[in-house]
Amino acid sequence: MGFVTPAEVVAGYLAAFDDADPDAIARWVTHDFVNEHTAALGGGCVGRDAYRSRLPGFLAMFAQLHYDVDEIVADGDRSVAAYTMHAEFRGSPTTVRGVMRFVVHGDEIAHRTDYWDSLQFLLQVDPEVRTQLAHWLP
């Protein structure tokens, strides 16, 4: 793949999830890729091989995964993508909004930090959570 802008790299990476192909997704990251999550339900890892090994389970858990990219802002080797993730989790449709920060080296992503709302996810897929938190919810 020839050199593309950091915003194009980020867009290509997020689009790769549409095909649910772990190799096609992992192709977008560096060998020493840092995958960081800030949400309580997220878990990070370091290295393309570690990331690639986790993708089949993630993709199986989130069937028909698709990221609608709301906006990508890039400055030098840094990009930020606001997104809305759509998927089915154990048969339940889910929609989660979030933002990812990226550091891009050439045509690969070296570091990704994902900020997503794990409570909104739980409220969509676990009726017990909604019941327990009903007095705090609108």
N, C-alpha and C. Protein backbone atom coordinates (compact mmCIF):
# COMPACT_ATOMS: atom_id res chain seq x y z
N MET A 1 0.85 -1.18 0.00
CA MET A 1 0.00 0.00 0.00
C MET A 1 0.89 1.24 0.00
N GLY A 2 0.62 2.19 -0.88
CA GLY A 2 1.40 3.41 -0.94
C GLY A 2 1.08 4.34 0.21
N PHE A 3 1.89 5.37 0.35
CA PHE A 3 1.67 6.34 1.42
C PHE A 3 0.34 7.04 1.24
N VAL A 4 -0.41 7.13 2.31
CA VAL A 4 -1.67 7.86 2.35
C VAL A 4 -1.63 8.77 3.58
N THR A 5 -2.57 9.68 3.67
CA THR A 5 -2.59 10.59 4.81
C THR A 5 -3.02 9.85 6.07
N PRO A 6 -2.67 10.37 7.25
CA PRO A 6 -3.14 9.74 8.49
C PRO A 6 -4.66 9.61 8.55
N ALA A 7 -5.39 10.60 8.05
CA ALA A 7 -6.85 10.50 8.06
C ALA A 7 -7.32 9.35 7.18
N GLU A 8 -6.67 9.13 6.04
CA GLU A 8 -7.03 8.01 5.16
C GLU A 8 -6.69 6.67 5.80
N VAL A 9 -5.58 6.62 6.53
CA VAL A 9 -5.22 5.39 7.23
C VAL A 9 -6.28 5.05 8.27
N VAL A 10 -6.69 6.04 9.04
CA VAL A 10 -7.71 5.82 10.07
C VAL A 10 -9.03 5.38 9.42
N ALA A 11 -9.44 6.05 8.36
CA ALA A 11 -10.67 5.67 7.66
C ALA A 11 -10.59 4.25 7.12
N GLY A 12 -9.45 3.89 6.54
CA GLY A 12 -9.27 2.53 6.03
C GLY A 12 -9.32 1.48 7.12
N TYR A 13 -8.67 1.78 8.24
CA TYR A 13 -8.68 0.87 9.38
C TYR A 13 -10.11 0.63 9.88
N LEU A 14 -10.86 1.69 10.09
CA LEU A 14 -12.23 1.54 10.60
C LEU A 14 -13.12 0.83 9.58
N ALA A 15 -12.93 1.10 8.30
CA ALA A 15 -13.71 0.42 7.26
C ALA A 15 -13.38 -1.07 7.20
N ALA A 16 -12.16 -1.45 7.56
CA ALA A 16 -11.75 -2.86 7.50
C ALA A 16 -12.60 -3.75 8.42
N PHE A 17 -13.19 -3.18 9.45
CA PHE A 17 -14.03 -3.97 10.36
C PHE A 17 -15.29 -4.48 9.67
N ASP A 18 -15.73 -3.82 8.60
CA ASP A 18 -16.95 -4.23 7.90
C ASP A 18 -16.88 -5.67 7.40
N ASP A 19 -15.70 -6.12 7.00
CA ASP A 19 -15.55 -7.46 6.44
C ASP A 19 -15.27 -8.53 7.50
N ALA A 20 -15.09 -8.11 8.76
CA ALA A 20 -14.85 -9.05 9.87
C ALA A 20 -13.68 -9.99 9.59
N ASP A 21 -12.65 -9.48 8.95
CA ASP A 21 -11.46 -10.27 8.61
C ASP A 21 -10.31 -9.82 9.51
N PRO A 22 -9.92 -10.64 10.50
CA PRO A 22 -8.86 -10.23 11.42
C PRO A 22 -7.55 -9.85 10.73
N ASP A 23 -7.18 -10.55 9.67
CA ASP A 23 -5.94 -10.23 8.97
C ASP A 23 -6.03 -8.87 8.28
N ALA A 24 -7.18 -8.58 7.68
CA ALA A 24 -7.36 -7.30 7.00
C ALA A 24 -7.34 -6.14 8.00
N ILE A 25 -7.85 -6.36 9.19
CA ILE A 25 -7.84 -5.31 10.22
C ILE A 25 -6.43 -5.14 10.76
N ALA A 26 -5.79 -6.23 11.12
CA ALA A 26 -4.44 -6.18 11.71
C ALA A 26 -3.41 -5.63 10.74
N ARG A 27 -3.67 -5.71 9.46
CA ARG A 27 -2.75 -5.18 8.46
C ARG A 27 -2.52 -3.68 8.65
N TRP A 28 -3.46 -2.99 9.27
CA TRP A 28 -3.39 -1.53 9.44
C TRP A 28 -2.54 -1.09 10.62
N VAL A 29 -2.03 -2.02 11.42
CA VAL A 29 -1.31 -1.62 12.63
C VAL A 29 0.17 -2.05 12.56
N THR A 30 1.01 -1.33 13.30
CA THR A 30 2.44 -1.62 13.34
C THR A 30 2.70 -2.88 14.16
N HIS A 31 3.89 -3.43 14.02
CA HIS A 31 4.27 -4.62 14.79
C HIS A 31 4.23 -4.36 16.29
N ASP A 32 4.55 -3.12 16.70
CA ASP A 32 4.56 -2.78 18.12
C ASP A 32 3.33 -1.95 18.53
N PHE A 33 2.25 -2.12 17.81
CA PHE A 33 0.99 -1.41 18.02
C PHE A 33 0.56 -1.44 19.49
N VAL A 34 0.13 -0.28 19.98
CA VAL A 34 -0.43 -0.17 21.33
C VAL A 34 -1.92 0.07 21.19
N ASN A 35 -2.70 -0.84 21.75
CA ASN A 35 -4.16 -0.78 21.71
C ASN A 35 -4.64 -0.50 23.13
N GLU A 36 -5.15 0.71 23.34
CA GLU A 36 -5.51 1.15 24.69
C GLU A 36 -7.00 1.48 24.73
N HIS A 37 -7.66 1.06 25.82
CA HIS A 37 -9.08 1.38 26.04
C HIS A 37 -9.21 2.11 27.37
N THR A 38 -10.05 3.13 27.39
CA THR A 38 -10.29 3.84 28.64
C THR A 38 -11.56 3.35 29.34
N ALA A 39 -12.46 2.71 28.62
CA ALA A 39 -13.72 2.23 29.20
C ALA A 39 -13.46 1.06 30.14
N ALA A 40 -14.28 0.98 31.18
CA ALA A 40 -14.12 -0.08 32.18
C ALA A 40 -14.23 -1.47 31.56
N LEU A 41 -15.01 -1.63 30.51
CA LEU A 41 -15.19 -2.95 29.90
C LEU A 41 -14.18 -3.25 28.81
N GLY A 42 -13.34 -2.29 28.46
CA GLY A 42 -12.35 -2.50 27.41
C GLY A 42 -11.06 -3.06 27.97
N GLY A 43 -10.29 -3.67 27.11
CA GLY A 43 -8.99 -4.20 27.50
C GLY A 43 -7.99 -3.97 26.39
N GLY A 44 -6.82 -3.53 26.72
CA GLY A 44 -5.81 -3.24 25.72
C GLY A 44 -4.82 -4.38 25.53
N CYS A 45 -3.88 -4.12 24.64
CA CYS A 45 -2.81 -5.07 24.39
C CYS A 45 -1.70 -4.33 23.65
N VAL A 46 -0.55 -4.98 23.53
CA VAL A 46 0.58 -4.40 22.82
C VAL A 46 1.08 -5.42 21.80
N GLY A 47 1.28 -4.94 20.58
CA GLY A 47 1.82 -5.78 19.51
C GLY A 47 0.76 -6.22 18.52
N ARG A 48 1.13 -6.24 17.24
CA ARG A 48 0.21 -6.68 16.19
C ARG A 48 -0.25 -8.12 16.43
N ASP A 49 0.69 -9.01 16.81
CA ASP A 49 0.31 -10.41 17.01
C ASP A 49 -0.70 -10.57 18.13
N ALA A 50 -0.50 -9.85 19.24
CA ALA A 50 -1.45 -9.92 20.35
C ALA A 50 -2.81 -9.36 19.92
N TYR A 51 -2.79 -8.26 19.21
CA TYR A 51 -4.02 -7.65 18.72
C TYR A 51 -4.73 -8.59 17.75
N ARG A 52 -4.00 -9.14 16.80
CA ARG A 52 -4.57 -10.06 15.81
C ARG A 52 -5.19 -11.28 16.49
N SER A 53 -4.55 -11.78 17.54
CA SER A 53 -5.06 -12.99 18.21
C SER A 53 -6.37 -12.71 18.94
N ARG A 54 -6.63 -11.46 19.30
CA ARG A 54 -7.86 -11.12 20.01
C ARG A 54 -9.02 -10.78 19.08
N LEU A 55 -8.71 -10.45 17.84
CA LEU A 55 -9.75 -10.01 16.92
C LEU A 55 -10.84 -11.04 16.64
N PRO A 56 -10.54 -12.33 16.44
CA PRO A 56 -11.64 -13.27 16.16
C PRO A 56 -12.69 -13.31 17.27
N GLY A 57 -12.28 -13.29 18.52
CA GLY A 57 -13.24 -13.29 19.62
C GLY A 57 -14.06 -12.01 19.65
N PHE A 58 -13.39 -10.87 19.44
CA PHE A 58 -14.09 -9.58 19.42
C PHE A 58 -15.10 -9.54 18.28
N LEU A 59 -14.69 -9.97 17.09
CA LEU A 59 -15.59 -9.93 15.94
C LEU A 59 -16.75 -10.91 16.09
N ALA A 60 -16.52 -12.05 16.75
CA ALA A 60 -17.61 -13.00 17.00
C ALA A 60 -18.60 -12.44 18.01
N MET A 61 -18.09 -11.72 18.99
CA MET A 61 -18.94 -11.14 20.02
C MET A 61 -19.79 -9.99 19.46
N PHE A 62 -19.24 -9.25 18.51
CA PHE A 62 -19.93 -8.10 17.93
C PHE A 62 -20.21 -8.38 16.45
N ALA A 63 -21.25 -9.15 16.20
CA ALA A 63 -21.60 -9.53 14.83
C ALA A 63 -22.03 -8.30 14.04
N GLN A 64 -21.75 -8.34 12.75
CA GLN A 64 -22.14 -7.26 11.83
C GLN A 64 -21.60 -5.90 12.27
N LEU A 65 -20.42 -5.91 12.84
CA LEU A 65 -19.80 -4.68 13.34
C LEU A 65 -19.56 -3.69 12.20
N HIS A 66 -19.95 -2.45 12.46
CA HIS A 66 -19.72 -1.37 11.50
C HIS A 66 -19.50 -0.07 12.26
N TYR A 67 -18.50 0.68 11.83
CA TYR A 67 -18.26 2.00 12.39
C TYR A 67 -18.75 3.06 11.41
N ASP A 68 -19.71 3.88 11.82
CA ASP A 68 -20.04 5.10 11.09
C ASP A 68 -19.07 6.16 11.59
N VAL A 69 -18.29 6.68 10.69
CA VAL A 69 -17.32 7.71 11.07
C VAL A 69 -18.01 9.06 10.98
N ASP A 70 -18.15 9.71 12.12
CA ASP A 70 -18.80 11.01 12.17
C ASP A 70 -17.85 12.12 11.73
N GLU A 71 -16.56 11.97 12.11
CA GLU A 71 -15.59 13.00 11.77
C GLU A 71 -14.19 12.46 12.04
N ILE A 72 -13.25 12.83 11.19
CA ILE A 72 -11.83 12.57 11.42
C ILE A 72 -11.10 13.89 11.35
N VAL A 73 -10.32 14.15 12.38
CA VAL A 73 -9.49 15.35 12.42
C VAL A 73 -8.04 14.89 12.52
N ALA A 74 -7.19 15.43 11.64
CA ALA A 74 -5.79 15.01 11.62
C ALA A 74 -4.88 16.22 11.74
N ASP A 75 -3.76 16.00 12.44
CA ASP A 75 -2.72 17.01 12.58
C ASP A 75 -1.39 16.28 12.64
N GLY A 76 -0.62 16.39 11.58
CA GLY A 76 0.64 15.65 11.53
C GLY A 76 0.38 14.16 11.55
N ASP A 77 1.06 13.45 12.45
CA ASP A 77 0.88 12.00 12.53
C ASP A 77 -0.24 11.60 13.50
N ARG A 78 -0.98 12.55 13.98
CA ARG A 78 -2.05 12.29 14.96
C ARG A 78 -3.41 12.50 14.29
N SER A 79 -4.34 11.62 14.63
CA SER A 79 -5.71 11.74 14.13
C SER A 79 -6.67 11.38 15.25
N VAL A 80 -7.85 11.95 15.16
CA VAL A 80 -8.94 11.64 16.08
C VAL A 80 -10.16 11.33 15.24
N ALA A 81 -10.83 10.24 15.56
CA ALA A 81 -12.05 9.86 14.84
C ALA A 81 -13.20 9.73 15.82
N ALA A 82 -14.24 10.53 15.59
CA ALA A 82 -15.50 10.36 16.32
C ALA A 82 -16.32 9.34 15.54
N TYR A 83 -16.91 8.38 16.24
CA TYR A 83 -17.61 7.30 15.56
C TYR A 83 -18.88 6.90 16.29
N THR A 84 -19.72 6.19 15.55
CA THR A 84 -20.85 5.47 16.13
C THR A 84 -20.69 4.03 15.68
N MET A 85 -20.54 3.14 16.65
CA MET A 85 -20.36 1.72 16.35
C MET A 85 -21.73 1.04 16.39
N HIS A 86 -22.00 0.23 15.38
CA HIS A 86 -23.22 -0.56 15.31
C HIS A 86 -22.83 -2.03 15.25
N ALA A 87 -23.53 -2.86 16.01
CA ALA A 87 -23.25 -4.30 15.99
C ALA A 87 -24.41 -5.02 16.67
N GLU A 88 -24.36 -6.34 16.59
CA GLU A 88 -25.27 -7.18 17.36
C GLU A 88 -24.45 -7.91 18.40
N PHE A 89 -24.84 -7.78 19.65
CA PHE A 89 -24.17 -8.46 20.75
C PHE A 89 -25.15 -9.48 21.31
N ARG A 90 -24.84 -10.78 21.10
CA ARG A 90 -25.72 -11.86 21.55
C ARG A 90 -27.15 -11.65 21.09
N GLY A 91 -27.29 -11.24 19.84
CA GLY A 91 -28.61 -11.05 19.25
C GLY A 91 -29.25 -9.70 19.54
N SER A 92 -28.63 -8.89 20.37
CA SER A 92 -29.19 -7.57 20.68
C SER A 92 -28.48 -6.50 19.86
N PRO A 93 -29.25 -5.71 19.10
CA PRO A 93 -28.61 -4.61 18.38
C PRO A 93 -28.06 -3.59 19.37
N THR A 94 -26.87 -3.12 19.10
CA THR A 94 -26.24 -2.13 19.97
C THR A 94 -25.70 -0.98 19.12
N THR A 95 -25.71 0.19 19.72
CA THR A 95 -25.15 1.38 19.13
C THR A 95 -24.35 2.08 20.22
N VAL A 96 -23.08 2.30 19.97
CA VAL A 96 -22.21 2.92 20.96
C VAL A 96 -21.43 4.05 20.28
N ARG A 97 -21.48 5.22 20.88
CA ARG A 97 -20.70 6.34 20.37
C ARG A 97 -19.36 6.40 21.09
N GLY A 98 -18.35 6.89 20.38
CA GLY A 98 -17.04 6.99 20.98
C GLY A 98 -16.11 7.84 20.15
N VAL A 99 -14.89 7.94 20.64
CA VAL A 99 -13.82 8.66 19.96
C VAL A 99 -12.56 7.83 20.09
N MET A 100 -11.80 7.75 19.02
CA MET A 100 -10.49 7.09 19.05
C MET A 100 -9.43 8.12 18.69
N ARG A 101 -8.33 8.09 19.46
CA ARG A 101 -7.14 8.88 19.12
C ARG A 101 -6.13 7.94 18.51
N PHE A 102 -5.44 8.38 17.47
CA PHE A 102 -4.47 7.55 16.77
C PHE A 102 -3.14 8.26 16.61
N VAL A 103 -2.06 7.49 16.63
CA VAL A 103 -0.76 7.93 16.16
C VAL A 103 -0.46 7.06 14.95
N VAL A 104 -0.21 7.69 13.82
CA VAL A 104 -0.02 6.99 12.55
C VAL A 104 1.42 7.15 12.11
N HIS A 105 2.05 6.03 11.77
CA HIS A 105 3.41 6.03 11.22
C HIS A 105 3.31 5.51 9.79
N GLY A 106 3.52 6.40 8.82
CA GLY A 106 3.41 6.00 7.42
C GLY A 106 1.99 5.59 7.11
N ASP A 107 1.80 4.33 6.71
CA ASP A 107 0.45 3.85 6.40
C ASP A 107 -0.04 2.82 7.43
N GLU A 108 0.49 2.93 8.67
CA GLU A 108 0.07 2.02 9.74
C GLU A 108 -0.20 2.81 11.02
N ILE A 109 -1.03 2.24 11.85
CA ILE A 109 -1.37 2.84 13.13
C ILE A 109 -0.45 2.27 14.20
N ALA A 110 0.22 3.16 14.92
CA ALA A 110 1.15 2.74 15.97
C ALA A 110 0.49 2.72 17.35
N HIS A 111 -0.51 3.56 17.54
CA HIS A 111 -1.15 3.66 18.85
C HIS A 111 -2.59 4.07 18.66
N ARG A 112 -3.47 3.39 19.37
CA ARG A 112 -4.90 3.73 19.34
C ARG A 112 -5.39 3.79 20.78
N THR A 113 -6.06 4.87 21.13
CA THR A 113 -6.74 4.97 22.41
C THR A 113 -8.22 5.15 22.12
N ASP A 114 -9.03 4.23 22.65
CA ASP A 114 -10.47 4.21 22.37
C ASP A 114 -11.23 4.66 23.62
N TYR A 115 -12.07 5.67 23.44
CA TYR A 115 -12.92 6.19 24.50
C TYR A 115 -14.36 5.88 24.10
N TRP A 116 -15.00 4.96 24.79
CA TRP A 116 -16.38 4.61 24.46
C TRP A 116 -17.17 4.42 25.74
N ASP A 117 -18.48 4.53 25.63
CA ASP A 117 -19.37 4.55 26.78
C ASP A 117 -19.82 3.13 27.12
N SER A 118 -19.11 2.48 28.02
CA SER A 118 -19.44 1.09 28.37
C SER A 118 -20.76 0.99 29.13
N LEU A 119 -21.17 2.03 29.84
CA LEU A 119 -22.46 1.98 30.53
C LEU A 119 -23.60 1.96 29.51
N GLN A 120 -23.52 2.79 28.48
CA GLN A 120 -24.57 2.77 27.45
C GLN A 120 -24.65 1.39 26.78
N PHE A 121 -23.50 0.78 26.57
CA PHE A 121 -23.48 -0.57 26.01
C PHE A 121 -24.21 -1.53 26.95
N LEU A 122 -23.88 -1.51 28.24
CA LEU A 122 -24.53 -2.42 29.20
C LEU A 122 -26.03 -2.17 29.30
N LEU A 123 -26.44 -0.94 29.25
CA LEU A 123 -27.86 -0.62 29.31
C LEU A 123 -28.61 -1.22 28.12
N GLN A 124 -27.94 -1.34 26.98
CA GLN A 124 -28.59 -1.90 25.79
C GLN A 124 -28.65 -3.43 25.81
N VAL A 125 -27.68 -4.07 26.43
CA VAL A 125 -27.60 -5.53 26.31
C VAL A 125 -27.94 -6.28 27.60
N ASP A 126 -28.09 -5.58 28.72
CA ASP A 126 -28.36 -6.25 29.99
C ASP A 126 -29.53 -5.58 30.71
N PRO A 127 -30.73 -6.17 30.61
CA PRO A 127 -31.91 -5.57 31.25
C PRO A 127 -31.74 -5.38 32.76
N GLU A 128 -30.96 -6.24 33.40
CA GLU A 128 -30.76 -6.13 34.84
C GLU A 128 -30.03 -4.83 35.20
N VAL A 129 -29.09 -4.44 34.38
CA VAL A 129 -28.38 -3.18 34.62
C VAL A 129 -29.36 -2.01 34.54
N ARG A 130 -30.20 -2.03 33.52
CA ARG A 130 -31.19 -0.95 33.37
C ARG A 130 -32.12 -0.92 34.58
N THR A 131 -32.55 -2.06 35.05
CA THR A 131 -33.44 -2.12 36.22
C THR A 131 -32.74 -1.56 37.45
N GLN A 132 -31.50 -1.97 37.68
CA GLN A 132 -30.79 -1.52 38.87
C GLN A 132 -30.48 -0.03 38.84
N LEU A 133 -30.32 0.54 37.67
CA LEU A 133 -29.96 1.96 37.57
C LEU A 133 -31.14 2.85 37.19
N ALA A 134 -32.34 2.30 37.20
CA ALA A 134 -33.52 3.02 36.70
C ALA A 134 -33.71 4.37 37.37
N HIS A 135 -33.42 4.50 38.64
CA HIS A 135 -33.64 5.77 39.33
C HIS A 135 -32.64 6.86 38.91
N TRP A 136 -31.56 6.50 38.24
CA TRP A 136 -30.57 7.47 37.76
C TRP A 136 -30.77 7.82 36.30
N LEU A 137 -31.57 7.05 35.60
CA LEU A 137 -31.72 7.22 34.16
C LEU A 137 -32.91 8.11 33.84
N PRO A 138 -32.83 8.82 32.71
CA PRO A 138 -33.98 9.66 32.30
C PRO A 138 -35.18 8.82 31.92
